[in-house]
Amino acid sequence: MDLTYDRQKLIEAWRSDKAEALTQLYKESFKKIYRYVYFRVYSEEDAQDVTEEVYLKLIAQLDNYDGKESISSWVYQIARTQIANFWKGKYKLDQKFIDELITGQDDIDEDNQKAKDKVEQILKELPENYSQVLNLRFLRGYSLEECAKAIGTTVANIKVLQFRALKKAGELGI
């Protein structure tokens, strides 16, 4: 996100005219944040709700923004947190499992062996097609298109399988 506001400019604008500073930040970041959220929640309605939560949280935290990190990093961190809260609330998933799904990391530290074991246990408990989709999408970082090609199905079917797999994983609650 190439925001024209630099860190200091945002802080100064926020102190002098909060409405204008927020309007400018919103205009410059909304499309990218919405897209980022949408491709992690896979529903237009949920993406709108989560994006709204991102900006509500941003407003609440803007007084505390100190400029130590880039504006882009700060806004995306708020978005990541709100996405995690969405999945945690919707499917009652464990936070470590959510972190693995959001970040798409496939190299889990030895310190996280317990989380790795839990992910593996959940994948073993899921039907093969669900396990395969979650593995490709979140552990290996495949795009929807790449996943569809690897499995030999459509992108729409991958979206459905992914949604059902995440729901089933949450129900397992291992």
Protein backbone atom coordinates (compact mmCIF):
# COMPACT_ATOMS: atom_id res chain seq x y z
CA MET A 1 0.00 0.00 0.00
CA ASP A 2 1.72 3.19 -1.11
CA LEU A 3 0.15 5.69 1.20
CA THR A 4 1.05 9.28 0.40
CA TYR A 5 1.02 10.01 4.10
CA ASP A 6 4.34 9.35 5.66
CA ARG A 7 4.43 8.44 9.33
CA GLN A 8 5.03 11.93 10.67
CA LYS A 9 2.54 13.51 8.27
CA LEU A 10 -0.18 11.10 9.44
CA ILE A 11 0.52 11.85 13.10
CA GLU A 12 0.43 15.60 12.47
CA ALA A 13 -2.72 15.37 10.34
CA TRP A 14 -4.43 13.25 12.98
CA ARG A 15 -3.64 15.81 15.67
CA SER A 16 -4.90 18.76 13.61
CA ASP A 17 -7.86 17.34 11.64
CA LYS A 18 -8.85 13.79 12.57
CA ALA A 19 -11.68 13.57 10.06
CA GLU A 20 -9.49 14.62 7.14
CA ALA A 21 -6.62 12.34 8.17
CA LEU A 22 -8.93 9.37 8.52
CA THR A 23 -10.68 10.14 5.22
CA GLN A 24 -7.36 10.25 3.38
CA LEU A 25 -6.08 7.06 5.04
CA TYR A 26 -9.36 5.30 4.24
CA LYS A 27 -9.36 6.41 0.58
CA GLU A 28 -5.78 5.26 0.09
CA SER A 29 -6.05 1.92 1.86
CA PHE A 30 -9.61 0.63 1.64
CA LYS A 31 -9.43 -1.29 -1.66
CA LYS A 32 -6.23 -3.08 -0.72
CA ILE A 33 -7.36 -3.90 2.81
CA TYR A 34 -10.76 -5.10 1.60
CA ARG A 35 -9.08 -7.32 -1.01
CA TYR A 36 -6.64 -8.66 1.59
CA VAL A 37 -9.52 -9.51 3.94
CA TYR A 38 -11.78 -10.92 1.20
CA PHE A 39 -9.20 -13.45 0.05
CA ARG A 40 -8.87 -14.70 3.62
CA VAL A 41 -12.55 -14.98 4.55
CA TYR A 42 -13.97 -15.89 1.09
CA SER A 43 -17.29 -14.17 1.54
CA GLU A 44 -18.27 -10.68 0.44
CA GLU A 45 -20.52 -10.17 3.45
CA ASP A 46 -17.88 -11.40 5.92
CA ALA A 47 -15.18 -9.36 4.18
CA GLN A 48 -17.30 -6.22 4.55
CA ASP A 49 -17.84 -6.95 8.25
CA VAL A 50 -14.19 -7.71 8.95
CA THR A 51 -13.00 -4.68 6.96
CA GLU A 52 -15.39 -2.51 8.95
CA GLU A 53 -13.88 -3.93 12.14
CA VAL A 54 -10.39 -3.12 10.82
CA TYR A 55 -11.28 0.54 10.38
CA LEU A 56 -13.10 0.75 13.71
CA LYS A 57 -10.00 -0.68 15.40
CA LEU A 58 -7.80 1.67 13.38
CA ILE A 59 -9.81 4.68 14.59
CA ALA A 60 -9.59 3.47 18.18
CA GLN A 61 -5.83 2.93 17.94
CA LEU A 62 -4.82 5.93 15.83
CA ASP A 63 -4.15 8.07 18.92
CA ASN A 64 -1.58 5.44 19.94
CA TYR A 65 0.16 5.24 16.55
CA ASP A 66 3.72 6.37 17.25
CA GLY A 67 5.22 6.10 13.76
CA LYS A 68 7.75 3.41 14.66
CA GLU A 69 6.40 1.09 11.98
CA SER A 70 5.18 1.92 8.51
CA ILE A 71 1.54 2.88 8.12
CA SER A 72 1.06 -0.03 5.75
CA SER A 73 2.48 -2.56 8.21
CA TRP A 74 0.38 -1.14 10.99
CA VAL A 75 -2.89 -1.27 9.02
CA TYR A 76 -2.19 -4.80 7.75
CA GLN A 77 -1.40 -5.96 11.29
CA ILE A 78 -4.79 -4.68 12.42
CA ALA A 79 -6.36 -6.52 9.46
CA ARG A 80 -4.55 -9.77 10.34
CA THR A 81 -5.76 -9.51 13.92
CA GLN A 82 -9.35 -8.91 12.83
CA ILE A 83 -9.23 -11.85 10.41
CA ALA A 84 -7.94 -14.08 13.21
CA ASN A 85 -10.73 -12.84 15.47
CA PHE A 86 -13.26 -13.58 12.73
CA TRP A 87 -12.15 -17.21 12.31
CA LYS A 88 -11.72 -17.70 16.03
CA GLY A 89 -15.25 -16.45 16.69
CA LYS A 90 -16.90 -18.16 13.75
CA TYR A 91 -15.51 -21.64 14.16
CA LYS A 92 -14.03 -21.61 17.66
CA LEU A 93 -10.62 -22.52 16.25
CA ASP A 94 -7.49 -22.55 18.39
CA GLN A 95 -5.34 -19.40 17.98
CA LYS A 96 -2.20 -21.31 16.95
CA PHE A 97 -4.16 -23.15 14.26
CA ILE A 98 -5.56 -19.83 13.00
CA ASP A 99 -2.08 -18.31 12.92
CA GLU A 100 -0.88 -21.21 10.78
CA LEU A 101 -3.79 -20.79 8.37
CA ILE A 102 -3.38 -17.01 8.03
CA THR A 103 0.39 -16.90 7.63
CA GLY A 104 0.65 -20.00 5.45
CA GLN A 105 3.90 -21.03 7.09
CA ASP A 106 5.07 -24.54 6.39
CA ASP A 107 8.19 -24.39 8.51
CA ILE A 108 7.03 -24.80 12.08
CA ASP A 109 9.67 -24.38 14.79
CA GLU A 110 10.49 -27.18 17.19
CA ASP A 111 9.01 -24.90 19.87
CA ASN A 112 5.69 -25.21 18.06
CA GLN A 113 5.76 -29.00 17.84
CA LYS A 114 2.54 -29.19 19.81
CA ALA A 115 0.78 -26.91 17.30
CA LYS A 116 2.25 -28.92 14.42
CA ASP A 117 0.96 -32.14 15.96
CA LYS A 118 -2.48 -30.62 16.37
CA VAL A 119 -2.58 -29.47 12.75
CA GLU A 120 -1.49 -32.93 11.60
CA GLN A 121 -4.10 -34.57 13.81
CA ILE A 122 -6.85 -32.33 12.43
CA LEU A 123 -5.73 -33.01 8.85
CA LYS A 124 -5.79 -36.77 9.53
CA GLU A 125 -9.30 -36.54 10.98
CA LEU A 126 -10.66 -34.64 7.98
CA PRO A 127 -11.85 -36.33 4.80
CA GLU A 128 -9.04 -36.66 2.25
CA ASN A 129 -10.31 -33.92 -0.07
CA TYR A 130 -10.65 -31.44 2.83
CA SER A 131 -7.21 -32.29 4.14
CA GLN A 132 -5.69 -31.94 0.69
CA VAL A 133 -7.23 -28.50 0.11
CA LEU A 134 -6.12 -27.15 3.51
CA ASN A 135 -2.64 -28.57 3.03
CA LEU A 136 -2.22 -27.02 -0.41
CA ARG A 137 -3.83 -23.67 0.41
CA PHE A 138 -2.45 -22.94 3.86
CA LEU A 139 0.58 -25.09 4.49
CA ARG A 140 2.04 -24.93 0.99
CA GLY A 141 0.66 -21.48 0.10
CA TYR A 142 -1.01 -22.42 -3.20
CA SER A 143 -3.37 -19.89 -4.76
CA LEU A 144 -6.94 -20.96 -5.48
CA GLU A 145 -6.03 -21.45 -9.13
CA GLU A 146 -2.92 -23.51 -8.35
CA CYS A 147 -4.88 -25.62 -5.90
CA ALA A 148 -7.66 -26.24 -8.43
CA LYS A 149 -5.13 -27.27 -11.06
CA ALA A 150 -3.28 -29.61 -8.67
CA ILE A 151 -6.50 -31.34 -7.60
CA GLY A 152 -8.10 -31.24 -11.04
CA THR A 153 -11.22 -29.25 -10.22
CA THR A 154 -12.58 -25.70 -10.49
CA VAL A 155 -11.70 -22.66 -8.40
CA ALA A 156 -15.32 -22.47 -7.26
CA ASN A 157 -15.13 -26.05 -6.01
CA ILE A 158 -11.89 -25.28 -4.15
CA LYS A 159 -13.60 -22.36 -2.39
CA VAL A 160 -16.45 -24.61 -1.31
CA LEU A 161 -14.11 -27.39 -0.18
CA GLN A 162 -11.96 -24.92 1.73
CA PHE A 163 -14.97 -23.41 3.49
CA ARG A 164 -16.31 -26.84 4.45
CA ALA A 165 -12.87 -28.05 5.52
CA LEU A 166 -12.36 -25.07 7.83
CA LYS A 167 -15.82 -25.52 9.28
CA LYS A 168 -15.22 -29.23 9.87
CA ALA A 169 -11.80 -28.51 11.43
CA GLY A 170 -13.48 -26.12 13.84
CA GLU A 171 -16.11 -28.69 14.73
CA LEU A 172 -13.45 -31.28 15.50
CA GLY A 173 -12.00 -29.02 18.19
CA ILE A 174 -9.21 -31.46 18.85
